[in-house]
Structure formats: C-alpha cells, structure tokens
N, C-alpha and C. Protein backbone atom coordinates (compact mmCIF):
# COMPACT_ATOMS: atom_id res chain seq x y z
N MET A 1 3.91 108.66 -55.84
CA MET A 1 3.60 109.31 -57.26
C MET A 1 4.13 110.58 -57.46
N ASN A 2 4.05 111.42 -56.29
CA ASN A 2 4.58 112.61 -56.38
C ASN A 2 6.04 113.03 -56.93
N GLY A 3 6.86 112.11 -56.81
CA GLY A 3 8.10 112.18 -57.70
C GLY A 3 7.92 111.72 -59.06
N LEU A 4 6.98 111.26 -59.92
CA LEU A 4 6.68 111.43 -61.10
C LEU A 4 6.29 112.63 -61.52
N TYR A 5 5.52 113.37 -60.81
CA TYR A 5 5.15 114.61 -61.18
C TYR A 5 6.36 115.81 -61.23
N LYS A 6 6.90 115.62 -59.85
CA LYS A 6 8.10 116.54 -59.90
C LYS A 6 9.14 116.28 -61.18
N ASP A 7 9.45 114.92 -61.57
CA ASP A 7 10.20 114.67 -62.96
C ASP A 7 9.38 115.54 -64.09
N LEU A 8 8.30 115.09 -64.06
CA LEU A 8 7.36 115.70 -65.23
C LEU A 8 7.62 117.12 -65.58
N LEU A 9 7.36 117.94 -64.36
CA LEU A 9 7.66 119.35 -64.36
C LEU A 9 9.19 119.68 -64.67
N THR A 10 10.16 119.02 -64.23
CA THR A 10 11.39 119.22 -64.64
C THR A 10 11.89 118.97 -66.26
N LYS A 11 11.03 117.83 -66.77
CA LYS A 11 11.22 117.41 -68.07
C LYS A 11 10.58 118.55 -69.26
N ILE A 12 9.50 119.17 -68.58
CA ILE A 12 8.70 119.92 -69.49
C ILE A 12 9.29 121.31 -69.50
N GLY A 13 10.69 121.38 -68.69
CA GLY A 13 11.22 122.72 -68.73
C GLY A 13 10.96 123.75 -67.59
N GLU A 14 10.10 123.05 -66.40
CA GLU A 14 9.79 124.06 -65.25
C GLU A 14 10.74 123.51 -64.11
N ASN A 15 10.79 124.61 -63.19
CA ASN A 15 11.73 124.29 -62.13
C ASN A 15 10.52 123.88 -60.73
N PRO A 16 10.53 122.79 -60.56
CA PRO A 16 9.66 122.20 -59.37
C PRO A 16 9.91 122.95 -57.92
N GLU A 17 10.94 123.47 -57.80
CA GLU A 17 11.40 124.07 -56.55
C GLU A 17 10.71 125.58 -56.41
N ARG A 18 10.50 126.08 -57.54
CA ARG A 18 9.83 127.65 -57.57
C ARG A 18 8.43 127.75 -56.63
N GLU A 19 8.27 128.93 -56.12
CA GLU A 19 7.28 128.80 -55.09
C GLU A 19 5.95 128.41 -55.41
N GLY A 20 5.47 128.66 -56.88
CA GLY A 20 4.21 128.31 -57.16
C GLY A 20 4.03 126.53 -57.50
N LEU A 21 5.26 126.13 -57.61
CA LEU A 21 4.91 124.67 -57.81
C LEU A 21 5.62 123.58 -56.78
N LEU A 22 5.97 124.26 -55.51
CA LEU A 22 6.37 123.64 -54.46
C LEU A 22 5.42 122.55 -54.14
N ASP A 23 4.35 122.72 -53.99
CA ASP A 23 3.25 121.69 -53.69
C ASP A 23 2.59 120.86 -54.62
N THR A 24 2.80 121.45 -56.06
CA THR A 24 2.20 120.91 -57.07
C THR A 24 2.31 119.30 -57.34
N PRO A 25 3.51 118.62 -57.09
CA PRO A 25 3.53 117.24 -57.25
C PRO A 25 2.62 116.54 -56.25
N ASP A 26 2.58 117.06 -54.78
CA ASP A 26 1.66 116.24 -54.20
C ASP A 26 0.17 116.67 -54.61
N ARG A 27 -0.07 117.67 -54.87
CA ARG A 27 -1.58 118.00 -55.10
C ARG A 27 -1.91 117.13 -56.56
N ALA A 28 -1.02 117.21 -57.52
CA ALA A 28 -1.26 116.36 -58.83
C ALA A 28 -1.39 114.93 -58.45
N ALA A 29 -0.63 114.29 -57.64
CA ALA A 29 -0.81 112.98 -57.34
C ALA A 29 -1.94 112.65 -56.62
N LYS A 30 -2.45 113.57 -55.73
CA LYS A 30 -3.73 113.47 -55.08
C LYS A 30 -4.77 113.58 -55.94
N ALA A 31 -4.82 114.27 -56.74
CA ALA A 31 -5.72 114.46 -58.10
C ALA A 31 -6.01 113.31 -58.88
N MET A 32 -4.87 112.79 -59.33
CA MET A 32 -4.82 111.46 -60.33
C MET A 32 -5.30 110.43 -59.31
N GLU A 33 -4.96 110.17 -58.05
CA GLU A 33 -5.70 109.01 -57.15
C GLU A 33 -7.28 109.26 -57.21
N PHE A 34 -7.67 110.50 -57.05
CA PHE A 34 -9.05 110.86 -57.07
C PHE A 34 -9.63 110.51 -58.24
N LEU A 35 -9.05 110.92 -59.45
CA LEU A 35 -9.56 110.52 -60.69
C LEU A 35 -9.63 109.23 -61.18
N THR A 36 -8.73 108.59 -60.49
CA THR A 36 -8.62 106.96 -61.02
C THR A 36 -9.22 106.10 -59.81
N GLN A 37 -10.01 106.57 -59.16
CA GLN A 37 -10.40 105.89 -57.94
C GLN A 37 -11.15 104.57 -58.25
N GLY A 38 -11.90 104.68 -59.52
CA GLY A 38 -12.60 103.51 -59.95
C GLY A 38 -11.78 102.28 -60.02
N TYR A 39 -10.56 102.24 -60.04
CA TYR A 39 -9.77 101.03 -60.03
C TYR A 39 -9.81 100.26 -58.91
N HIS A 40 -10.02 101.04 -57.47
CA HIS A 40 -9.85 100.55 -56.34
C HIS A 40 -11.42 100.17 -55.61
N GLN A 41 -12.59 100.37 -56.69
CA GLN A 41 -13.89 99.87 -56.06
C GLN A 41 -14.45 98.87 -56.78
N LYS A 42 -15.35 98.35 -56.16
CA LYS A 42 -16.14 96.96 -57.04
C LYS A 42 -17.50 97.46 -56.83
N LEU A 43 -18.07 96.75 -57.85
CA LEU A 43 -19.58 97.11 -58.07
C LEU A 43 -20.42 96.72 -56.95
N GLU A 44 -20.01 95.46 -56.46
CA GLU A 44 -20.86 94.90 -55.11
C GLU A 44 -20.78 95.96 -54.09
N ASP A 45 -19.74 96.70 -53.76
CA ASP A 45 -19.42 97.57 -52.69
C ASP A 45 -20.16 98.72 -53.00
N VAL A 46 -20.44 99.36 -54.28
CA VAL A 46 -21.21 100.58 -54.72
C VAL A 46 -22.54 100.21 -54.53
N VAL A 47 -22.97 99.03 -55.11
CA VAL A 47 -24.54 98.76 -55.08
C VAL A 47 -24.90 98.77 -53.51
N ASN A 48 -24.07 97.75 -52.53
CA ASN A 48 -24.35 97.78 -51.34
C ASN A 48 -25.68 97.41 -50.71
N ASP A 49 -26.08 96.47 -51.27
CA ASP A 49 -27.55 95.89 -50.82
C ASP A 49 -28.74 97.08 -51.33
N ALA A 50 -28.60 97.96 -52.16
CA ALA A 50 -29.55 98.88 -52.38
C ALA A 50 -30.52 98.26 -53.31
N ILE A 51 -30.80 97.19 -53.30
CA ILE A 51 -31.57 96.48 -54.63
C ILE A 51 -32.98 96.13 -53.66
N PHE A 52 -33.95 96.66 -54.32
CA PHE A 52 -35.30 96.50 -53.86
C PHE A 52 -36.31 95.86 -54.65
N THR A 53 -37.21 95.00 -54.02
CA THR A 53 -38.12 94.34 -54.65
C THR A 53 -39.49 95.37 -55.04
N VAL A 54 -39.91 95.20 -56.25
CA VAL A 54 -41.06 95.89 -56.70
C VAL A 54 -41.77 95.01 -57.47
N GLU A 55 -43.16 95.46 -57.64
CA GLU A 55 -44.14 94.68 -58.32
C GLU A 55 -44.39 95.04 -59.79
N ASP A 56 -44.28 96.55 -60.02
CA ASP A 56 -44.36 97.09 -61.29
C ASP A 56 -43.26 96.95 -62.36
N ASN A 57 -43.33 97.23 -63.58
CA ASN A 57 -42.62 97.22 -64.46
C ASN A 57 -42.48 98.41 -65.41
N HIS A 58 -42.80 99.44 -64.92
CA HIS A 58 -42.75 100.74 -65.61
C HIS A 58 -41.25 101.09 -65.92
N MET A 59 -41.06 101.85 -67.09
CA MET A 59 -39.63 102.43 -67.36
C MET A 59 -39.20 103.48 -66.42
N ILE A 60 -38.10 103.11 -65.79
CA ILE A 60 -37.35 104.25 -64.84
C ILE A 60 -36.09 104.70 -65.80
N ILE A 61 -36.12 106.14 -65.35
CA ILE A 61 -35.07 106.78 -66.06
C ILE A 61 -34.53 107.78 -65.17
N VAL A 62 -33.24 107.75 -65.27
CA VAL A 62 -32.42 109.10 -64.63
C VAL A 62 -31.57 109.45 -65.56
N LYS A 63 -31.90 110.77 -65.78
CA LYS A 63 -31.16 111.52 -66.74
C LYS A 63 -30.26 112.59 -66.44
N ASP A 64 -29.06 113.11 -67.25
CA ASP A 64 -28.29 114.21 -66.74
C ASP A 64 -27.28 113.82 -65.72
N ILE A 65 -27.15 112.58 -65.52
CA ILE A 65 -26.11 112.36 -64.64
C ILE A 65 -24.67 112.91 -65.18
N GLU A 66 -24.02 113.49 -64.24
CA GLU A 66 -22.87 114.31 -64.56
C GLU A 66 -21.67 113.25 -64.41
N LEU A 67 -20.66 113.45 -65.59
CA LEU A 67 -19.73 112.32 -65.50
C LEU A 67 -18.22 113.12 -65.80
N TYR A 68 -17.29 112.53 -65.26
CA TYR A 68 -15.98 113.14 -65.61
C TYR A 68 -14.98 111.90 -65.53
N SER A 69 -14.20 111.91 -66.71
CA SER A 69 -13.40 110.73 -67.00
C SER A 69 -12.03 111.24 -67.58
N LEU A 70 -10.97 110.33 -67.76
CA LEU A 70 -9.88 110.67 -68.52
C LEU A 70 -9.64 109.80 -69.57
N CYS A 71 -9.65 110.50 -70.75
CA CYS A 71 -9.12 109.40 -72.16
C CYS A 71 -8.25 108.75 -71.91
N GLU A 72 -8.26 107.44 -72.15
CA GLU A 72 -6.82 106.33 -72.06
C GLU A 72 -5.90 106.87 -72.97
N HIS A 73 -6.22 107.60 -74.07
CA HIS A 73 -5.08 107.78 -75.23
C HIS A 73 -4.19 108.95 -74.81
N HIS A 74 -4.79 109.96 -74.16
CA HIS A 74 -4.10 111.25 -74.01
C HIS A 74 -4.19 111.42 -72.38
N MET A 75 -4.66 110.78 -71.70
CA MET A 75 -4.98 111.26 -70.20
C MET A 75 -5.47 112.72 -70.09
N LEU A 76 -6.34 113.23 -70.99
CA LEU A 76 -7.00 114.16 -70.84
C LEU A 76 -8.42 114.03 -70.33
N PRO A 77 -9.08 115.13 -69.84
CA PRO A 77 -10.41 114.79 -69.41
C PRO A 77 -11.47 114.76 -70.70
N PHE A 78 -12.39 114.02 -70.24
CA PHE A 78 -13.57 114.22 -71.13
C PHE A 78 -14.98 114.28 -70.23
N PHE A 79 -15.86 115.01 -70.13
CA PHE A 79 -16.94 115.20 -69.49
C PHE A 79 -18.55 115.40 -70.09
N GLY A 80 -19.41 114.99 -69.49
CA GLY A 80 -20.69 115.16 -70.13
C GLY A 80 -21.71 114.50 -69.22
N LYS A 81 -22.78 114.18 -69.85
CA LYS A 81 -23.94 113.49 -69.12
C LYS A 81 -24.36 112.17 -69.50
N CYS A 82 -24.66 111.29 -68.49
CA CYS A 82 -25.18 109.98 -68.82
C CYS A 82 -26.71 109.77 -68.51
N HIS A 83 -27.67 109.14 -69.34
CA HIS A 83 -28.65 109.11 -69.19
C HIS A 83 -28.99 107.42 -69.18
N ILE A 84 -29.71 107.14 -68.12
CA ILE A 84 -29.83 105.70 -67.81
C ILE A 84 -31.39 105.23 -68.06
N GLY A 85 -31.91 104.27 -68.49
CA GLY A 85 -33.22 103.98 -68.48
C GLY A 85 -33.25 102.37 -68.24
N TYR A 86 -34.06 101.78 -67.37
CA TYR A 86 -34.33 100.29 -67.49
C TYR A 86 -35.79 100.23 -67.05
N ILE A 87 -36.29 98.80 -67.31
CA ILE A 87 -37.56 98.33 -67.00
C ILE A 87 -37.30 97.12 -66.14
N PRO A 88 -37.75 97.43 -64.68
CA PRO A 88 -37.56 96.47 -63.72
C PRO A 88 -38.06 95.15 -64.04
N GLU A 89 -37.65 94.05 -63.51
CA GLU A 89 -38.21 92.76 -63.82
C GLU A 89 -38.39 92.25 -62.09
N GLY A 90 -38.88 92.92 -61.24
CA GLY A 90 -39.02 92.69 -60.07
C GLY A 90 -37.84 93.34 -59.14
N LYS A 91 -36.86 93.79 -59.49
CA LYS A 91 -35.97 94.45 -58.60
C LYS A 91 -35.66 95.83 -59.21
N VAL A 92 -35.27 96.76 -58.36
CA VAL A 92 -34.92 98.16 -58.68
C VAL A 92 -33.88 98.28 -58.02
N LEU A 93 -32.87 99.39 -58.10
CA LEU A 93 -31.54 99.87 -57.63
C LEU A 93 -31.93 101.21 -56.91
N GLY A 94 -31.41 101.44 -55.68
CA GLY A 94 -31.48 102.79 -55.24
C GLY A 94 -31.09 103.78 -56.17
N VAL A 95 -31.71 104.99 -56.35
CA VAL A 95 -31.55 105.91 -57.51
C VAL A 95 -30.04 106.47 -57.50
N SER A 96 -29.63 106.74 -56.47
CA SER A 96 -28.34 107.37 -56.25
C SER A 96 -27.14 106.28 -56.56
N LYS A 97 -27.53 104.92 -56.78
CA LYS A 97 -26.53 103.93 -57.03
C LYS A 97 -26.22 104.14 -58.69
N LEU A 98 -27.15 104.66 -59.24
CA LEU A 98 -27.05 104.47 -60.70
C LEU A 98 -25.75 105.69 -60.94
N ALA A 99 -25.86 106.74 -60.20
CA ALA A 99 -24.78 107.81 -60.39
C ALA A 99 -23.61 107.29 -59.91
N ARG A 100 -23.62 106.36 -58.83
CA ARG A 100 -22.29 105.76 -58.28
C ARG A 100 -21.54 104.83 -59.38
N ILE A 101 -22.71 103.96 -59.95
CA ILE A 101 -22.04 103.18 -60.88
C ILE A 101 -21.32 103.84 -61.97
N VAL A 102 -21.81 105.00 -62.37
CA VAL A 102 -21.37 105.83 -63.47
C VAL A 102 -20.09 106.35 -62.98
N ASP A 103 -19.91 106.86 -61.82
CA ASP A 103 -18.81 107.23 -61.32
C ASP A 103 -17.62 106.23 -61.44
N LEU A 104 -18.00 105.07 -60.90
CA LEU A 104 -17.21 103.71 -60.65
C LEU A 104 -16.43 103.36 -61.94
N PHE A 105 -17.19 103.53 -63.13
CA PHE A 105 -16.38 103.20 -64.60
C PHE A 105 -15.90 104.35 -65.09
N ALA A 106 -16.36 105.65 -64.70
CA ALA A 106 -15.70 107.10 -65.41
C ALA A 106 -14.37 107.18 -64.53
N ARG A 107 -14.35 106.94 -63.32
CA ARG A 107 -12.97 107.17 -62.82
C ARG A 107 -11.88 106.26 -62.84
N ARG A 108 -11.73 105.79 -64.17
CA ARG A 108 -10.63 104.99 -64.72
C ARG A 108 -10.24 105.78 -65.87
N LEU A 109 -9.06 105.26 -66.37
CA LEU A 109 -8.68 105.60 -67.93
C LEU A 109 -9.85 104.84 -68.79
N GLN A 110 -10.19 105.79 -69.66
CA GLN A 110 -11.57 105.26 -70.42
C GLN A 110 -11.62 105.70 -71.84
N ILE A 111 -12.37 104.81 -72.68
CA ILE A 111 -12.88 105.40 -73.79
C ILE A 111 -14.54 105.60 -73.49
N GLN A 112 -15.11 106.44 -74.20
CA GLN A 112 -16.63 106.82 -73.95
C GLN A 112 -17.17 105.39 -74.24
N GLU A 113 -17.02 104.72 -75.57
CA GLU A 113 -17.54 103.57 -75.75
C GLU A 113 -17.77 102.60 -74.93
N ARG A 114 -16.57 102.13 -74.24
CA ARG A 114 -16.29 101.22 -73.17
C ARG A 114 -16.94 101.73 -71.94
N LEU A 115 -17.16 102.90 -71.46
CA LEU A 115 -18.04 103.26 -70.49
C LEU A 115 -19.25 103.05 -70.55
N THR A 116 -19.92 103.51 -71.72
CA THR A 116 -21.40 103.15 -72.19
C THR A 116 -21.85 101.86 -71.52
N THR A 117 -20.88 100.89 -72.39
CA THR A 117 -21.17 99.52 -72.40
C THR A 117 -21.12 99.10 -71.02
N GLN A 118 -19.96 99.66 -70.18
CA GLN A 118 -19.78 99.10 -68.90
C GLN A 118 -20.99 99.33 -67.85
N VAL A 119 -21.48 100.38 -68.09
CA VAL A 119 -22.65 101.02 -67.25
C VAL A 119 -24.05 100.15 -67.42
N ALA A 120 -24.05 99.78 -68.82
CA ALA A 120 -25.45 99.08 -69.16
C ALA A 120 -25.44 97.70 -68.93
N GLU A 121 -24.14 97.03 -69.03
CA GLU A 121 -23.78 95.56 -68.70
C GLU A 121 -23.92 95.50 -67.03
N SER A 122 -23.50 96.35 -66.36
CA SER A 122 -23.40 96.32 -64.98
C SER A 122 -24.81 96.29 -64.54
N LEU A 123 -25.52 97.32 -64.76
CA LEU A 123 -27.17 97.12 -64.35
C LEU A 123 -27.77 95.99 -64.98
N MET A 124 -27.53 95.53 -66.00
CA MET A 124 -28.27 94.24 -66.57
C MET A 124 -27.76 92.96 -65.73
N ASN A 125 -26.49 92.98 -65.41
CA ASN A 125 -26.11 91.91 -64.44
C ASN A 125 -26.54 91.90 -62.89
N THR A 126 -26.69 93.21 -62.62
CA THR A 126 -27.05 93.28 -61.09
C THR A 126 -28.42 93.22 -60.76
N ILE A 127 -29.43 93.88 -61.47
CA ILE A 127 -30.65 93.69 -61.19
C ILE A 127 -31.57 92.77 -62.31
N VAL A 128 -31.06 92.47 -63.23
CA VAL A 128 -31.58 91.57 -64.24
C VAL A 128 -32.86 92.10 -64.65
N PRO A 129 -32.76 93.29 -65.44
CA PRO A 129 -34.14 93.82 -65.70
C PRO A 129 -34.66 93.20 -67.09
N GLU A 130 -35.76 93.66 -67.42
CA GLU A 130 -36.15 93.44 -68.98
C GLU A 130 -35.17 93.99 -69.82
N GLY A 131 -34.77 95.25 -69.63
CA GLY A 131 -34.09 95.87 -70.53
C GLY A 131 -33.12 97.10 -69.91
N VAL A 132 -32.26 97.54 -70.48
CA VAL A 132 -31.27 98.71 -70.18
C VAL A 132 -31.12 99.55 -71.33
N GLY A 133 -31.22 100.84 -71.17
CA GLY A 133 -30.63 101.65 -72.11
C GLY A 133 -29.77 102.84 -71.47
N VAL A 134 -28.64 103.15 -72.00
CA VAL A 134 -27.64 104.02 -71.59
C VAL A 134 -27.06 105.03 -72.68
N VAL A 135 -27.24 106.13 -72.53
CA VAL A 135 -26.77 107.11 -73.48
C VAL A 135 -25.73 108.10 -72.86
N ILE A 136 -24.66 108.21 -73.43
CA ILE A 136 -23.57 109.31 -72.66
C ILE A 136 -23.46 110.26 -74.02
N GLU A 137 -23.42 111.40 -73.57
CA GLU A 137 -22.86 112.71 -74.32
C GLU A 137 -21.87 113.28 -73.76
N ALA A 138 -20.59 113.39 -74.55
CA ALA A 138 -19.58 114.06 -73.81
C ALA A 138 -18.59 114.69 -74.74
N GLN A 139 -18.03 115.84 -74.10
CA GLN A 139 -16.90 116.47 -74.70
C GLN A 139 -15.82 116.13 -74.36
N HIS A 140 -14.65 115.91 -75.31
CA HIS A 140 -13.55 115.33 -75.04
C HIS A 140 -12.17 116.62 -75.38
N LEU A 141 -11.67 116.82 -74.31
CA LEU A 141 -10.44 117.71 -74.36
C LEU A 141 -9.48 117.34 -75.24
N CYS A 142 -9.35 116.14 -75.53
CA CYS A 142 -8.31 115.63 -76.40
C CYS A 142 -8.59 116.06 -77.87
N MET A 143 -10.04 116.55 -78.05
CA MET A 143 -10.24 116.86 -79.44
C MET A 143 -10.51 118.62 -79.20
N MET A 144 -10.46 119.06 -78.25
CA MET A 144 -10.73 120.54 -78.19
C MET A 144 -9.28 121.20 -77.94
N MET A 145 -8.45 120.66 -77.16
CA MET A 145 -7.41 121.34 -76.65
C MET A 145 -6.05 121.21 -77.45
N ARG A 146 -6.24 119.93 -78.18
CA ARG A 146 -5.13 119.66 -79.02
C ARG A 146 -5.38 118.87 -80.34
N GLY A 147 -4.72 118.42 -81.13
CA GLY A 147 -5.14 117.81 -82.44
C GLY A 147 -5.94 118.79 -83.42
N ILE A 148 -7.12 118.14 -83.47
CA ILE A 148 -8.06 118.89 -84.60
C ILE A 148 -8.64 120.35 -83.79
N GLU A 149 -8.60 120.37 -82.70
CA GLU A 149 -9.24 121.51 -81.88
C GLU A 149 -10.53 121.96 -82.28
N LYS A 150 -11.53 120.96 -82.14
CA LYS A 150 -12.85 121.36 -82.40
C LYS A 150 -13.74 121.49 -81.06
N GLN A 151 -14.06 123.02 -81.05
CA GLN A 151 -14.53 123.40 -79.74
C GLN A 151 -15.90 122.98 -79.44
N ASN A 152 -16.51 122.72 -80.45
CA ASN A 152 -18.26 122.34 -80.22
C ASN A 152 -18.54 120.88 -80.69
N SER A 153 -17.84 120.29 -80.50
CA SER A 153 -17.66 118.75 -80.85
C SER A 153 -18.39 118.05 -79.72
N CYS A 154 -19.28 116.90 -79.95
CA CYS A 154 -19.76 116.29 -78.66
C CYS A 154 -20.07 114.86 -79.29
N MET A 155 -19.37 113.95 -78.52
CA MET A 155 -19.83 112.49 -78.96
C MET A 155 -20.96 111.88 -78.14
N VAL A 156 -21.61 111.14 -78.70
CA VAL A 156 -23.00 110.62 -78.36
C VAL A 156 -22.66 108.92 -78.63
N THR A 157 -22.85 108.24 -77.44
CA THR A 157 -22.66 106.81 -77.53
C THR A 157 -24.08 105.96 -76.82
N SER A 158 -24.28 104.91 -77.19
CA SER A 158 -25.59 104.11 -76.56
C SER A 158 -25.23 102.97 -76.56
N ALA A 159 -25.90 102.14 -75.24
CA ALA A 159 -25.80 100.85 -75.32
C ALA A 159 -27.35 100.44 -75.04
N MET A 160 -27.86 99.45 -75.75
CA MET A 160 -29.30 99.25 -75.66
C MET A 160 -29.18 97.53 -75.44
N LEU A 161 -29.65 97.24 -74.43
CA LEU A 161 -29.77 95.78 -74.04
C LEU A 161 -31.27 95.16 -73.80
N GLY A 162 -31.26 93.85 -73.75
CA GLY A 162 -32.72 93.33 -73.56
C GLY A 162 -33.61 94.19 -74.39
N SER A 163 -35.11 94.30 -73.78
CA SER A 163 -36.02 94.93 -74.54
C SER A 163 -35.70 96.26 -75.14
N PHE A 164 -34.43 96.92 -74.69
CA PHE A 164 -34.14 98.24 -75.36
C PHE A 164 -33.75 98.11 -76.63
N ARG A 165 -32.93 96.99 -76.92
CA ARG A 165 -32.38 96.50 -77.96
C ARG A 165 -33.48 95.88 -79.01
N ALA A 166 -34.17 94.77 -78.33
CA ALA A 166 -35.11 94.17 -79.31
C ALA A 166 -36.51 94.81 -79.60
N ASP A 167 -37.00 95.66 -79.01
CA ASP A 167 -38.19 96.33 -79.24
C ASP A 167 -38.07 97.81 -79.52
N ALA A 168 -38.24 98.08 -80.70
CA ALA A 168 -37.95 99.39 -81.05
C ALA A 168 -38.95 100.47 -80.40
N SER A 169 -40.04 100.25 -79.90
CA SER A 169 -40.82 101.06 -79.34
C SER A 169 -40.48 101.43 -78.08
N THR A 170 -40.02 100.54 -77.11
CA THR A 170 -39.23 100.67 -75.87
C THR A 170 -38.06 101.58 -75.82
N ARG A 171 -37.16 101.34 -77.19
CA ARG A 171 -35.95 102.02 -77.29
C ARG A 171 -36.41 103.44 -77.63
N ASN A 172 -37.46 103.57 -78.62
CA ASN A 172 -37.81 105.07 -79.04
C ASN A 172 -38.37 105.87 -77.84
N GLU A 173 -39.23 105.01 -77.09
CA GLU A 173 -39.73 105.70 -75.62
C GLU A 173 -38.56 106.36 -75.01
N PHE A 174 -37.60 105.62 -74.79
CA PHE A 174 -36.47 105.94 -73.77
C PHE A 174 -35.83 107.02 -74.47
N LEU A 175 -35.44 106.99 -75.60
CA LEU A 175 -34.86 108.22 -76.24
C LEU A 175 -35.72 109.51 -76.37
N LYS A 176 -36.97 109.57 -76.55
CA LYS A 176 -37.98 110.44 -76.47
C LYS A 176 -38.02 110.94 -75.11
N LEU A 177 -37.94 110.39 -74.15
CA LEU A 177 -37.86 110.93 -72.75
C LEU A 177 -36.72 111.31 -72.53
N ILE A 178 -35.46 111.03 -73.00
CA ILE A 178 -34.34 111.74 -72.58
C ILE A 178 -34.03 112.74 -73.51
N GLY A 179 -34.95 113.05 -74.46
CA GLY A 179 -34.77 114.11 -75.49
C GLY A 179 -33.90 113.97 -76.37
N LYS A 180 -33.86 112.58 -77.01
CA LYS A 180 -32.77 112.50 -78.06
C LYS A 180 -33.92 111.90 -79.40
C-alpha cells in the first residue's frame, strides 16, 4: 500500500524522495491499516465470551466512549463520543467490550448514521436485552476543513431498539442520564 501513498505524493506535486517524506508512504500505509482494522475483526472475537449472567434488569449506561472514524465520502476523520445504554434480560456484556464494539465499527470507512445502528444492533443481537439506546455525537472534518467549513458543527445520531424505542419513559430516562 505504500506505493499508493508514494504515487499520491507525486500526484499532488510533492517529491517523495525529499528528506521529510522518505518514510511517509510507509507511515501513511501503517496508519491506514490501523484506522481500518475493523474490516479484519469479527464481533464474536471482540466479545470473546465476556457475556455474564445477571438477575437484575436495571439500566446500564456507559457514556463518553471516544470514537475515531473515517468518513466514507472523503476519507477524512470524524470523531466524538458514543453513549450506550441497555436493559439486560439475564445477560450483560463486560464493560470494556462496549468500547471495543464501538471501535470495531468505527475503524472502517463509515457514515455516522450507519455506525450508530451497527453498535445498537450488535448489542441487541449479542446479549438480547430488553432494549438498547445508542447516541453518537461527532465532529466531521469534511464539514470543518473543506466545503462549508463550519467549525462548530456537531452531528448527533441515535438508535433506539426494543424498550428504548417502544417506551418513552425508558428512552427519556436514558437521554436524561447521558445529559441529552
């Protein structure tokens, strides 16, 4: 892949042989591999048997999970926070696995809308809770650095499944607890 970056440097008018750029194609290729590692991971491997039996069914929330992704339209970064809530129906997921699931889907070329849905549906399918709520707030460099150049814009998306969709009080409790 480093040959592609060397060609890119040449096409934009740079000299890939100058001192500051000699290792850039290798570094850029490694960075792209890291930023898109979600394509080479499976949900089952990320969860890795970290599903535990519980008796209670109180709402569980993990908020402010940092996320970094690349916009599929411009391949520019977007970044922000993901808030996840769910009400277990006998099974909970190890807390770090929630962040790992976010990373699994964020480390692909994405749109925020799909990312939000993928996180929610993967939880719903993995632990089959009473309901799931996912809210993502992110800033998109394709909006900030190019085109319309709006520096203070923030996109908010949500996916509410099960009781979070069907029951307004459950949904409102979740939104209140995450500060929305």
